[in-house]
Amino acid sequence: MVARVRKIMNISSSLVVPVPDRPGHDRRYALNDSKLRKLGFKFKYPFEEALAQTIEWYKTHKDWWQPLKQAGGYAAYYQKQYEKGNASFSKAS
């Protein structure tokens, strides 16, 4: 997923720093939509297109998410999750 987002955003892989999984994290998440498809459900957009649209929405709606990030909850969450020796933490700007 990280590689897909990087490609859409044209971001260098050097900015991605892998961190060890926290204990209890699932190795992967898998969904099965076969029952939905049997009922006639169809995705409106292919995954890559929907992902690109989501990224574009966040890029054009900074007024929505930046106050949430600046309120401190974002930094506190990551500090709690990653500062306990599981990974290095530096406050995001």
C-alpha atoms as a PDB file:
ATOM      1  CA  MET A   1       0.000   0.000   0.000  1.00  0.00           C
ATOM      2  CA  VAL A   2       2.832   2.367   0.841  1.00  0.00           C
ATOM      3  CA  ALA A   3       4.328   1.799  -2.599  1.00  0.00           C
ATOM      4  CA  ARG A   4       0.987   2.592  -4.252  1.00  0.00           C
ATOM      5  CA  VAL A   5       0.568   5.836  -2.311  1.00  0.00           C
ATOM      6  CA  ARG A   6       4.182   6.846  -3.017  1.00  0.00           C
ATOM      7  CA  LYS A   7       3.659   6.245  -6.733  1.00  0.00           C
ATOM      8  CA  ILE A   8       0.474   8.333  -6.862  1.00  0.00           C
ATOM      9  CA  MET A   9       2.070  11.149  -4.863  1.00  0.00           C
ATOM     10  CA  ASN A  10       5.403  10.904  -6.687  1.00  0.00           C
ATOM     11  CA  ILE A  11       7.312  10.532  -3.416  1.00  0.00           C
ATOM     12  CA  SER A  12      10.787   9.045  -3.098  1.00  0.00           C
ATOM     13  CA  SER A  13      11.151   5.680  -1.367  1.00  0.00           C
ATOM     14  CA  SER A  14      13.923   7.254   0.714  1.00  0.00           C
ATOM     15  CA  LEU A  15      11.217   9.027   2.752  1.00  0.00           C
ATOM     16  CA  VAL A  16       9.708   5.713   3.863  1.00  0.00           C
ATOM     17  CA  VAL A  17      11.246   4.308   7.025  1.00  0.00           C
ATOM     18  CA  PRO A  18      10.075   0.794   7.909  1.00  0.00           C
ATOM     19  CA  VAL A  19       9.364   0.230  11.585  1.00  0.00           C
ATOM     20  CA  PRO A  20       8.933  -3.066  13.429  1.00  0.00           C
ATOM     21  CA  ASP A  21       5.391  -4.273  13.964  1.00  0.00           C
ATOM     22  CA  ARG A  22       3.917  -3.710  17.377  1.00  0.00           C
ATOM     23  CA  PRO A  23       2.994  -6.870  19.287  1.00  0.00           C
ATOM     24  CA  GLY A  24      -0.557  -7.882  18.488  1.00  0.00           C
ATOM     25  CA  HIS A  25      -0.680  -6.261  15.057  1.00  0.00           C
ATOM     26  CA  ASP A  26      -2.146  -8.406  12.321  1.00  0.00           C
ATOM     27  CA  ARG A  27       0.371  -9.324   9.634  1.00  0.00           C
ATOM     28  CA  ARG A  28      -2.176  -8.414   6.969  1.00  0.00           C
ATOM     29  CA  TYR A  29      -5.818  -7.634   6.498  1.00  0.00           C
ATOM     30  CA  ALA A  30      -7.832  -9.484   3.894  1.00  0.00           C
ATOM     31  CA  LEU A  31     -11.410  -8.891   2.857  1.00  0.00           C
ATOM     32  CA  ASN A  32     -13.644 -11.189   0.862  1.00  0.00           C
ATOM     33  CA  ASP A  33     -16.332  -9.400  -1.134  1.00  0.00           C
ATOM     34  CA  SER A  34     -17.710 -12.501  -2.891  1.00  0.00           C
ATOM     35  CA  LYS A  35     -21.054 -12.356  -1.039  1.00  0.00           C
ATOM     36  CA  LEU A  36     -21.486  -8.696  -1.971  1.00  0.00           C
ATOM     37  CA  ARG A  37     -20.704  -9.453  -5.614  1.00  0.00           C
ATOM     38  CA  LYS A  38     -23.269 -12.306  -5.610  1.00  0.00           C
ATOM     39  CA  LEU A  39     -25.824  -9.711  -4.496  1.00  0.00           C
ATOM     40  CA  GLY A  40     -24.898  -7.528  -7.474  1.00  0.00           C
ATOM     41  CA  PHE A  41     -22.544  -5.064  -5.818  1.00  0.00           C
ATOM     42  CA  LYS A  42     -20.053  -3.440  -8.140  1.00  0.00           C
ATOM     43  CA  PHE A  43     -17.345  -0.992  -7.212  1.00  0.00           C
ATOM     44  CA  LYS A  44     -17.879   2.425  -8.749  1.00  0.00           C
ATOM     45  CA  TYR A  45     -14.141   2.936  -9.283  1.00  0.00           C
ATOM     46  CA  PRO A  46     -11.176   0.593  -9.598  1.00  0.00           C
ATOM     47  CA  PHE A  47      -9.054   0.541  -6.433  1.00  0.00           C
ATOM     48  CA  GLU A  48      -6.126   2.541  -7.854  1.00  0.00           C
ATOM     49  CA  GLU A  49      -8.475   5.270  -9.115  1.00  0.00           C
ATOM     50  CA  ALA A  50     -10.332   5.446  -5.799  1.00  0.00           C
ATOM     51  CA  LEU A  51      -7.033   5.652  -3.922  1.00  0.00           C
ATOM     52  CA  ALA A  52      -5.860   8.486  -6.176  1.00  0.00           C
ATOM     53  CA  GLN A  53      -9.166  10.319  -5.642  1.00  0.00           C
ATOM     54  CA  THR A  54      -8.841   9.920  -1.872  1.00  0.00           C
ATOM     55  CA  ILE A  55      -5.309  11.306  -1.906  1.00  0.00           C
ATOM     56  CA  GLU A  56      -6.436  14.213  -4.075  1.00  0.00           C
ATOM     57  CA  TRP A  57      -9.288  14.962  -1.651  1.00  0.00           C
ATOM     58  CA  TYR A  58      -6.856  15.201   1.266  1.00  0.00           C
ATOM     59  CA  LYS A  59      -4.512  17.394  -0.769  1.00  0.00           C
ATOM     60  CA  THR A  60      -7.329  19.823  -1.625  1.00  0.00           C
ATOM     61  CA  HIS A  61      -8.987  19.813   1.818  1.00  0.00           C
ATOM     62  CA  LYS A  62      -6.089  20.695   4.101  1.00  0.00           C
ATOM     63  CA  ASP A  63      -8.414  23.051   5.957  1.00  0.00           C
ATOM     64  CA  TRP A  64     -10.257  19.949   7.225  1.00  0.00           C
ATOM     65  CA  TRP A  65      -7.368  17.783   8.428  1.00  0.00           C
ATOM     66  CA  GLN A  66      -4.580  20.207   9.389  1.00  0.00           C
ATOM     67  CA  PRO A  67      -6.406  21.533  12.488  1.00  0.00           C
ATOM     68  CA  LEU A  68      -6.852  17.929  13.646  1.00  0.00           C
ATOM     69  CA  LYS A  69      -3.142  17.293  13.250  1.00  0.00           C
ATOM     70  CA  GLN A  70      -2.188  20.547  14.973  1.00  0.00           C
ATOM     71  CA  ALA A  71      -4.547  19.934  17.903  1.00  0.00           C
ATOM     72  CA  GLY A  72      -2.012  17.506  19.350  1.00  0.00           C
ATOM     73  CA  GLY A  73      -4.073  14.335  19.213  1.00  0.00           C
ATOM     74  CA  TYR A  74      -2.161  13.075  16.197  1.00  0.00           C
ATOM     75  CA  ALA A  75       1.257  13.541  17.789  1.00  0.00           C
ATOM     76  CA  ALA A  76       0.096  12.124  21.131  1.00  0.00           C
ATOM     77  CA  TYR A  77      -1.260   8.997  19.441  1.00  0.00           C
ATOM     78  CA  TYR A  78       1.978   8.311  17.583  1.00  0.00           C
ATOM     79  CA  GLN A  79       4.073   9.107  20.622  1.00  0.00           C
ATOM     80  CA  LYS A  80       2.059   6.616  22.673  1.00  0.00           C
ATOM     81  CA  GLN A  81       2.292   3.926  19.995  1.00  0.00           C
ATOM     82  CA  TYR A  82       5.873   4.272  18.849  1.00  0.00           C
ATOM     83  CA  GLU A  83       7.979   5.981  21.501  1.00  0.00           C
ATOM     84  CA  LYS A  84       8.184   3.000  23.857  1.00  0.00           C
ATOM     85  CA  GLY A  85      11.241   1.580  22.111  1.00  0.00           C
ATOM     86  CA  ASN A  86       9.282  -0.024  19.270  1.00  0.00           C
ATOM     87  CA  ALA A  87      10.440   2.620  16.793  1.00  0.00           C
ATOM     88  CA  SER A  88      11.948   6.039  16.729  1.00  0.00           C
ATOM     89  CA  PHE A  89       9.531   8.948  16.983  1.00  0.00           C
ATOM     90  CA  SER A  90       9.911  12.447  15.737  1.00  0.00           C
ATOM     91  CA  LYS A  91       7.060  14.940  15.882  1.00  0.00           C
ATOM     92  CA  ALA A  92       5.562  15.439  12.426  1.00  0.00           C
ATOM     93  CA  SER A  93       5.471  18.991  11.179  1.00  0.00           C
END
